[in-house]
């Protein structure tokens, strides 16, 4: 008899739902074509569940490609569509450089730490 087994779904991020916002923290060193589509889907589910405000903490992320940037922009757009706020935090040197080269730092709200992002979100969310 062959037993079926279900492999656990391994997410490269964790989701922490707060009262006024949701914190999504990447747990992988890379945000790329492998995991960015799942992260985009998570952002859609979060906003479909009624959340308007998202903090994306990339403190574990050392590398980001165009798919990762696309996921970040999707989150920003989804929050804007529901008149919410998106904050990006915890940028490591390489990722921050890519964000700046892409000029995304001119349209995204970026903080240095999760504490700073949470304080800004509390203030914005009232």
N, C-alpha and C. Protein backbone atom coordinates (compact mmCIF):
# COMPACT_ATOMS: atom_id res chain seq x y z
N UNK A 1 0.83 -1.18 0.00
CA UNK A 1 0.00 0.00 0.00
C UNK A 1 0.88 1.25 0.00
N UNK A 2 0.56 2.15 -0.89
CA UNK A 2 1.32 3.39 -0.99
C UNK A 2 0.63 4.45 -0.15
N UNK A 3 1.40 5.04 0.72
CA UNK A 3 0.85 6.11 1.55
C UNK A 3 1.08 7.44 0.85
N UNK A 4 0.08 8.26 0.89
CA UNK A 4 0.26 9.60 0.32
C UNK A 4 0.80 10.51 1.40
N UNK A 5 1.63 11.40 0.98
CA UNK A 5 2.14 12.38 1.94
C UNK A 5 2.01 13.76 1.34
N UNK A 6 1.78 14.68 2.19
CA UNK A 6 1.67 16.06 1.75
C UNK A 6 2.90 16.82 2.23
N UNK A 7 3.57 17.43 1.30
CA UNK A 7 4.74 18.22 1.69
C UNK A 7 4.26 19.54 2.28
N UNK A 8 4.88 19.97 3.35
CA UNK A 8 4.47 21.23 3.94
C UNK A 8 4.79 22.40 3.00
N UNK A 9 3.93 23.37 3.00
CA UNK A 9 4.16 24.57 2.20
C UNK A 9 5.20 25.42 2.92
N UNK A 10 6.29 25.65 2.27
CA UNK A 10 7.35 26.45 2.88
C UNK A 10 7.26 27.86 2.31
N UNK A 11 6.95 28.80 3.18
CA UNK A 11 6.84 30.18 2.75
C UNK A 11 8.15 30.88 3.07
N UNK A 12 8.51 31.80 2.20
CA UNK A 12 9.73 32.57 2.42
C UNK A 12 9.42 33.90 3.12
N UNK A 13 8.33 33.92 3.85
CA UNK A 13 7.93 35.12 4.57
C UNK A 13 6.99 34.72 5.70
N UNK A 14 6.82 35.63 6.65
CA UNK A 14 5.83 35.42 7.69
C UNK A 14 4.93 36.65 7.75
N UNK A 15 3.71 36.43 8.17
CA UNK A 15 2.71 37.49 8.20
C UNK A 15 2.25 37.69 9.64
N UNK A 16 2.30 38.93 10.10
CA UNK A 16 1.87 39.29 11.45
C UNK A 16 0.79 40.35 11.35
N UNK A 17 -0.44 39.96 11.60
CA UNK A 17 -1.56 40.90 11.48
C UNK A 17 -1.73 41.67 12.77
N UNK A 18 -1.56 42.96 12.68
CA UNK A 18 -1.76 43.87 13.82
C UNK A 18 -3.15 44.48 13.69
N UNK A 19 -3.51 45.33 14.63
CA UNK A 19 -4.84 45.91 14.59
C UNK A 19 -5.04 46.85 13.39
N UNK A 20 -4.04 47.69 13.09
CA UNK A 20 -4.20 48.70 12.05
C UNK A 20 -3.38 48.44 10.79
N UNK A 21 -2.55 47.40 10.82
CA UNK A 21 -1.68 47.11 9.68
C UNK A 21 -1.20 45.67 9.74
N UNK A 22 -0.56 45.24 8.67
CA UNK A 22 0.00 43.88 8.58
C UNK A 22 1.49 44.01 8.31
N UNK A 23 2.29 43.25 9.06
CA UNK A 23 3.73 43.21 8.83
C UNK A 23 4.06 41.91 8.10
N UNK A 24 4.68 42.05 6.94
CA UNK A 24 5.15 40.89 6.19
C UNK A 24 6.67 40.93 6.26
N UNK A 25 7.26 39.85 6.78
CA UNK A 25 8.71 39.78 6.95
C UNK A 25 9.26 38.66 6.09
N UNK A 26 10.19 38.99 5.22
CA UNK A 26 10.81 37.94 4.41
C UNK A 26 11.75 37.13 5.30
N UNK A 27 11.81 35.83 5.04
CA UNK A 27 12.69 34.95 5.82
C UNK A 27 13.79 34.36 4.94
N UNK A 28 13.78 34.72 3.69
CA UNK A 28 14.78 34.24 2.74
C UNK A 28 15.81 35.35 2.47
N UNK A 29 17.00 34.95 2.11
CA UNK A 29 18.03 35.93 1.78
C UNK A 29 17.81 36.53 0.40
N UNK A 30 16.91 35.91 -0.38
CA UNK A 30 16.67 36.39 -1.75
C UNK A 30 15.19 36.63 -1.98
N UNK A 31 14.91 37.69 -2.70
CA UNK A 31 13.55 37.97 -3.18
C UNK A 31 13.67 37.99 -4.69
N UNK A 32 13.25 36.88 -5.32
CA UNK A 32 13.50 36.72 -6.75
C UNK A 32 12.37 35.93 -7.41
N UNK A 33 12.63 35.44 -8.61
CA UNK A 33 11.59 34.74 -9.39
C UNK A 33 11.08 33.49 -8.68
N UNK A 34 11.85 32.96 -7.75
CA UNK A 34 11.44 31.76 -7.03
C UNK A 34 10.32 32.04 -6.03
N UNK A 35 10.42 33.16 -5.31
CA UNK A 35 9.46 33.41 -4.23
C UNK A 35 8.62 34.68 -4.39
N UNK A 36 8.99 35.56 -5.30
CA UNK A 36 8.24 36.81 -5.47
C UNK A 36 6.78 36.58 -5.89
N UNK A 37 6.47 35.62 -6.77
CA UNK A 37 5.06 35.41 -7.13
C UNK A 37 4.19 35.04 -5.92
N UNK A 38 4.72 34.22 -5.01
CA UNK A 38 3.97 33.87 -3.80
C UNK A 38 3.75 35.09 -2.91
N UNK A 39 4.77 35.93 -2.84
CA UNK A 39 4.65 37.14 -2.03
C UNK A 39 3.60 38.08 -2.62
N UNK A 40 3.59 38.22 -3.94
CA UNK A 40 2.56 39.04 -4.60
C UNK A 40 1.17 38.51 -4.27
N UNK A 41 1.00 37.20 -4.37
CA UNK A 41 -0.29 36.59 -4.05
C UNK A 41 -0.70 36.87 -2.60
N UNK A 42 0.27 36.81 -1.71
CA UNK A 42 0.00 37.10 -0.30
C UNK A 42 -0.48 38.53 -0.13
N UNK A 43 0.15 39.48 -0.82
CA UNK A 43 -0.29 40.87 -0.74
C UNK A 43 -1.72 41.04 -1.22
N UNK A 44 -2.07 40.34 -2.30
CA UNK A 44 -3.45 40.39 -2.81
C UNK A 44 -4.41 39.83 -1.77
N UNK A 45 -4.07 38.69 -1.16
CA UNK A 45 -4.94 38.10 -0.13
C UNK A 45 -5.09 39.01 1.07
N UNK A 46 -4.00 39.64 1.47
CA UNK A 46 -4.04 40.55 2.63
C UNK A 46 -5.01 41.70 2.36
N UNK A 47 -4.89 42.32 1.20
CA UNK A 47 -5.78 43.46 0.91
C UNK A 47 -7.20 42.99 0.64
N UNK A 48 -7.37 41.80 0.05
CA UNK A 48 -8.72 41.27 -0.15
C UNK A 48 -9.41 40.96 1.18
N UNK A 49 -8.61 40.68 2.21
CA UNK A 49 -9.16 40.43 3.55
C UNK A 49 -9.48 41.71 4.29
N UNK A 50 -9.25 42.85 3.65
CA UNK A 50 -9.64 44.13 4.25
C UNK A 50 -8.51 44.98 4.81
N UNK A 51 -7.30 44.47 4.82
CA UNK A 51 -6.18 45.27 5.33
C UNK A 51 -5.83 46.36 4.31
N UNK A 52 -5.54 47.54 4.81
CA UNK A 52 -5.19 48.66 3.94
C UNK A 52 -3.72 49.04 4.05
N UNK A 53 -3.11 48.66 5.16
CA UNK A 53 -1.76 49.11 5.47
C UNK A 53 -0.82 47.93 5.63
N UNK A 54 0.31 47.98 4.91
CA UNK A 54 1.27 46.88 4.93
C UNK A 54 2.68 47.42 5.15
N UNK A 55 3.40 46.74 6.04
CA UNK A 55 4.84 46.97 6.21
C UNK A 55 5.54 45.74 5.66
N UNK A 56 6.50 45.95 4.77
CA UNK A 56 7.32 44.85 4.26
C UNK A 56 8.72 45.00 4.85
N UNK A 57 9.09 44.03 5.69
CA UNK A 57 10.40 44.04 6.34
C UNK A 57 11.35 43.12 5.58
N UNK A 58 12.35 43.72 4.97
CA UNK A 58 13.32 42.97 4.17
C UNK A 58 14.66 42.80 4.88
N UNK A 59 14.68 42.86 6.21
CA UNK A 59 15.96 42.80 6.91
C UNK A 59 16.74 41.51 6.68
N UNK A 60 16.08 40.43 6.32
CA UNK A 60 16.78 39.16 6.04
C UNK A 60 17.20 39.05 4.58
N UNK A 61 16.76 39.96 3.76
CA UNK A 61 16.95 39.87 2.31
C UNK A 61 18.24 40.57 1.87
N UNK A 62 19.14 39.77 1.28
CA UNK A 62 20.42 40.30 0.80
C UNK A 62 20.42 40.57 -0.70
N UNK A 63 19.44 39.98 -1.42
CA UNK A 63 19.42 40.07 -2.88
C UNK A 63 17.98 40.21 -3.36
N UNK A 64 17.80 41.06 -4.36
CA UNK A 64 16.47 41.27 -4.94
C UNK A 64 16.65 41.45 -6.44
N UNK A 65 15.81 40.76 -7.23
CA UNK A 65 15.86 40.95 -8.67
C UNK A 65 14.60 41.69 -9.14
N UNK A 66 14.39 41.76 -10.44
CA UNK A 66 13.25 42.52 -10.97
C UNK A 66 11.91 41.94 -10.52
N UNK A 67 11.84 40.63 -10.31
CA UNK A 67 10.61 40.02 -9.80
C UNK A 67 10.33 40.48 -8.37
N UNK A 68 11.38 40.60 -7.59
CA UNK A 68 11.23 41.11 -6.22
C UNK A 68 10.77 42.56 -6.21
N UNK A 69 11.36 43.37 -7.09
CA UNK A 69 10.93 44.77 -7.20
C UNK A 69 9.47 44.84 -7.62
N UNK A 70 9.06 43.95 -8.51
CA UNK A 70 7.68 43.91 -8.95
C UNK A 70 6.75 43.60 -7.79
N UNK A 71 7.13 42.66 -6.92
CA UNK A 71 6.31 42.32 -5.75
C UNK A 71 6.17 43.53 -4.82
N UNK A 72 7.26 44.27 -4.64
CA UNK A 72 7.24 45.47 -3.81
C UNK A 72 6.27 46.49 -4.40
N UNK A 73 6.35 46.69 -5.71
CA UNK A 73 5.47 47.66 -6.38
C UNK A 73 4.01 47.23 -6.35
N UNK A 74 3.75 45.93 -6.43
CA UNK A 74 2.38 45.42 -6.33
C UNK A 74 1.81 45.77 -4.95
N UNK A 75 2.59 45.53 -3.91
CA UNK A 75 2.13 45.85 -2.55
C UNK A 75 1.83 47.34 -2.42
N UNK A 76 2.70 48.17 -2.95
CA UNK A 76 2.50 49.62 -2.89
C UNK A 76 1.22 50.02 -3.62
N UNK A 77 1.02 49.47 -4.81
CA UNK A 77 -0.17 49.79 -5.61
C UNK A 77 -1.46 49.32 -4.92
N UNK A 78 -1.43 48.11 -4.37
CA UNK A 78 -2.61 47.58 -3.69
C UNK A 78 -3.01 48.46 -2.51
N UNK A 79 -2.02 48.92 -1.75
CA UNK A 79 -2.30 49.79 -0.61
C UNK A 79 -2.85 51.14 -1.08
N UNK A 80 -2.26 51.69 -2.14
CA UNK A 80 -2.75 52.95 -2.69
C UNK A 80 -4.19 52.84 -3.17
N UNK A 81 -4.53 51.71 -3.78
CA UNK A 81 -5.88 51.52 -4.33
C UNK A 81 -6.95 51.55 -3.24
N UNK A 82 -6.59 51.16 -2.03
CA UNK A 82 -7.57 51.16 -0.94
C UNK A 82 -7.32 52.31 0.04
N UNK A 83 -6.57 53.32 -0.45
CA UNK A 83 -6.23 54.51 0.33
C UNK A 83 -5.53 54.15 1.64
N UNK A 84 -4.64 53.15 1.52
CA UNK A 84 -3.85 52.74 2.67
C UNK A 84 -2.41 53.20 2.51
N UNK A 85 -1.54 52.60 3.31
CA UNK A 85 -0.13 52.99 3.31
C UNK A 85 0.74 51.74 3.23
N UNK A 86 1.80 51.84 2.43
CA UNK A 86 2.79 50.78 2.32
C UNK A 86 4.13 51.34 2.76
N UNK A 87 4.80 50.61 3.66
CA UNK A 87 6.12 51.02 4.13
C UNK A 87 7.10 49.87 3.93
N UNK A 88 8.24 50.20 3.36
CA UNK A 88 9.32 49.24 3.14
C UNK A 88 10.39 49.52 4.19
N UNK A 89 10.89 48.47 4.84
CA UNK A 89 11.89 48.68 5.89
C UNK A 89 12.93 47.57 5.88
N UNK A 90 14.02 47.83 6.59
CA UNK A 90 15.06 46.83 6.77
C UNK A 90 15.91 46.55 5.54
N UNK A 91 16.10 47.55 4.70
CA UNK A 91 16.85 47.33 3.46
C UNK A 91 18.33 47.11 3.74
N UNK A 92 18.85 46.00 3.19
CA UNK A 92 20.27 45.73 3.25
C UNK A 92 20.95 46.50 2.10
N UNK A 93 22.25 46.64 2.17
CA UNK A 93 22.99 47.51 1.26
C UNK A 93 22.69 47.25 -0.23
N UNK A 94 22.78 45.98 -0.66
CA UNK A 94 22.56 45.68 -2.08
C UNK A 94 21.13 45.98 -2.52
N UNK A 95 20.18 45.62 -1.67
CA UNK A 95 18.78 45.85 -2.00
C UNK A 95 18.48 47.35 -2.02
N UNK A 96 19.01 48.06 -1.06
CA UNK A 96 18.81 49.51 -1.02
C UNK A 96 19.41 50.17 -2.26
N UNK A 97 20.57 49.71 -2.68
CA UNK A 97 21.21 50.25 -3.88
C UNK A 97 20.32 50.02 -5.11
N UNK A 98 19.76 48.84 -5.23
CA UNK A 98 18.87 48.54 -6.36
C UNK A 98 17.62 49.42 -6.34
N UNK A 99 17.08 49.62 -5.15
CA UNK A 99 15.89 50.49 -5.01
C UNK A 99 16.23 51.92 -5.46
N UNK A 100 17.40 52.39 -5.04
CA UNK A 100 17.80 53.77 -5.40
C UNK A 100 18.12 53.89 -6.90
N UNK A 101 18.82 52.92 -7.46
CA UNK A 101 19.14 52.94 -8.89
C UNK A 101 17.86 52.93 -9.72
N UNK A 102 16.87 52.19 -9.25
CA UNK A 102 15.58 52.10 -9.94
C UNK A 102 14.70 53.32 -9.69
N UNK A 103 15.18 54.23 -8.84
CA UNK A 103 14.46 55.44 -8.43
C UNK A 103 13.17 55.14 -7.68
N UNK A 104 13.05 53.93 -7.15
CA UNK A 104 11.86 53.58 -6.39
C UNK A 104 11.82 54.27 -5.03
N UNK A 105 12.99 54.73 -4.57
CA UNK A 105 13.01 55.46 -3.31
C UNK A 105 12.27 56.79 -3.41
N UNK A 106 11.97 57.22 -4.64
CA UNK A 106 11.23 58.48 -4.82
C UNK A 106 9.72 58.28 -4.71
N UNK A 107 9.26 57.01 -4.82
CA UNK A 107 7.82 56.77 -4.72
C UNK A 107 7.42 55.90 -3.53
N UNK A 108 8.38 55.21 -2.93
CA UNK A 108 8.09 54.34 -1.79
C UNK A 108 8.41 55.03 -0.48
N UNK A 109 7.66 54.69 0.55
CA UNK A 109 7.99 55.13 1.90
C UNK A 109 8.94 54.08 2.48
N UNK A 110 10.14 54.52 2.86
CA UNK A 110 11.17 53.62 3.35
C UNK A 110 11.63 54.09 4.72
N UNK A 111 11.71 53.14 5.67
CA UNK A 111 12.25 53.46 6.99
C UNK A 111 13.46 52.58 7.25
N UNK A 112 14.25 52.96 8.26
CA UNK A 112 15.47 52.23 8.58
C UNK A 112 15.22 50.98 9.41
N UNK A 113 14.14 50.98 10.20
CA UNK A 113 13.90 49.85 11.10
C UNK A 113 12.41 49.53 11.17
N UNK A 114 12.11 48.34 11.65
CA UNK A 114 10.72 47.94 11.83
C UNK A 114 10.04 48.82 12.88
N UNK A 115 10.75 49.14 13.95
CA UNK A 115 10.18 50.02 14.98
C UNK A 115 9.76 51.37 14.38
N UNK A 116 10.64 51.92 13.55
CA UNK A 116 10.35 53.20 12.89
C UNK A 116 9.14 53.06 11.95
N UNK A 117 9.08 51.95 11.23
CA UNK A 117 7.95 51.70 10.32
C UNK A 117 6.65 51.57 11.09
N UNK A 118 6.69 50.84 12.19
CA UNK A 118 5.47 50.66 13.00
C UNK A 118 5.00 51.97 13.60
N UNK A 119 5.93 52.80 14.06
CA UNK A 119 5.57 54.11 14.60
C UNK A 119 4.94 54.98 13.51
N UNK A 120 5.52 54.97 12.31
CA UNK A 120 4.98 55.74 11.21
C UNK A 120 3.59 55.22 10.82
N UNK A 121 3.43 53.91 10.86
CA UNK A 121 2.13 53.32 10.49
C UNK A 121 1.07 53.66 11.53
N UNK A 122 1.42 53.60 12.80
CA UNK A 122 0.48 53.96 13.86
C UNK A 122 0.02 55.41 13.69
N UNK A 123 0.98 56.27 13.37
CA UNK A 123 0.67 57.69 13.17
C UNK A 123 -0.23 57.88 11.95
N UNK A 124 0.08 57.21 10.86
CA UNK A 124 -0.68 57.34 9.61
C UNK A 124 -2.08 56.73 9.73
N UNK A 125 -2.17 55.60 10.43
CA UNK A 125 -3.44 54.88 10.55
C UNK A 125 -4.36 55.52 11.59
N UNK A 126 -3.80 56.42 12.39
CA UNK A 126 -4.61 57.13 13.37
C UNK A 126 -5.00 56.27 14.48
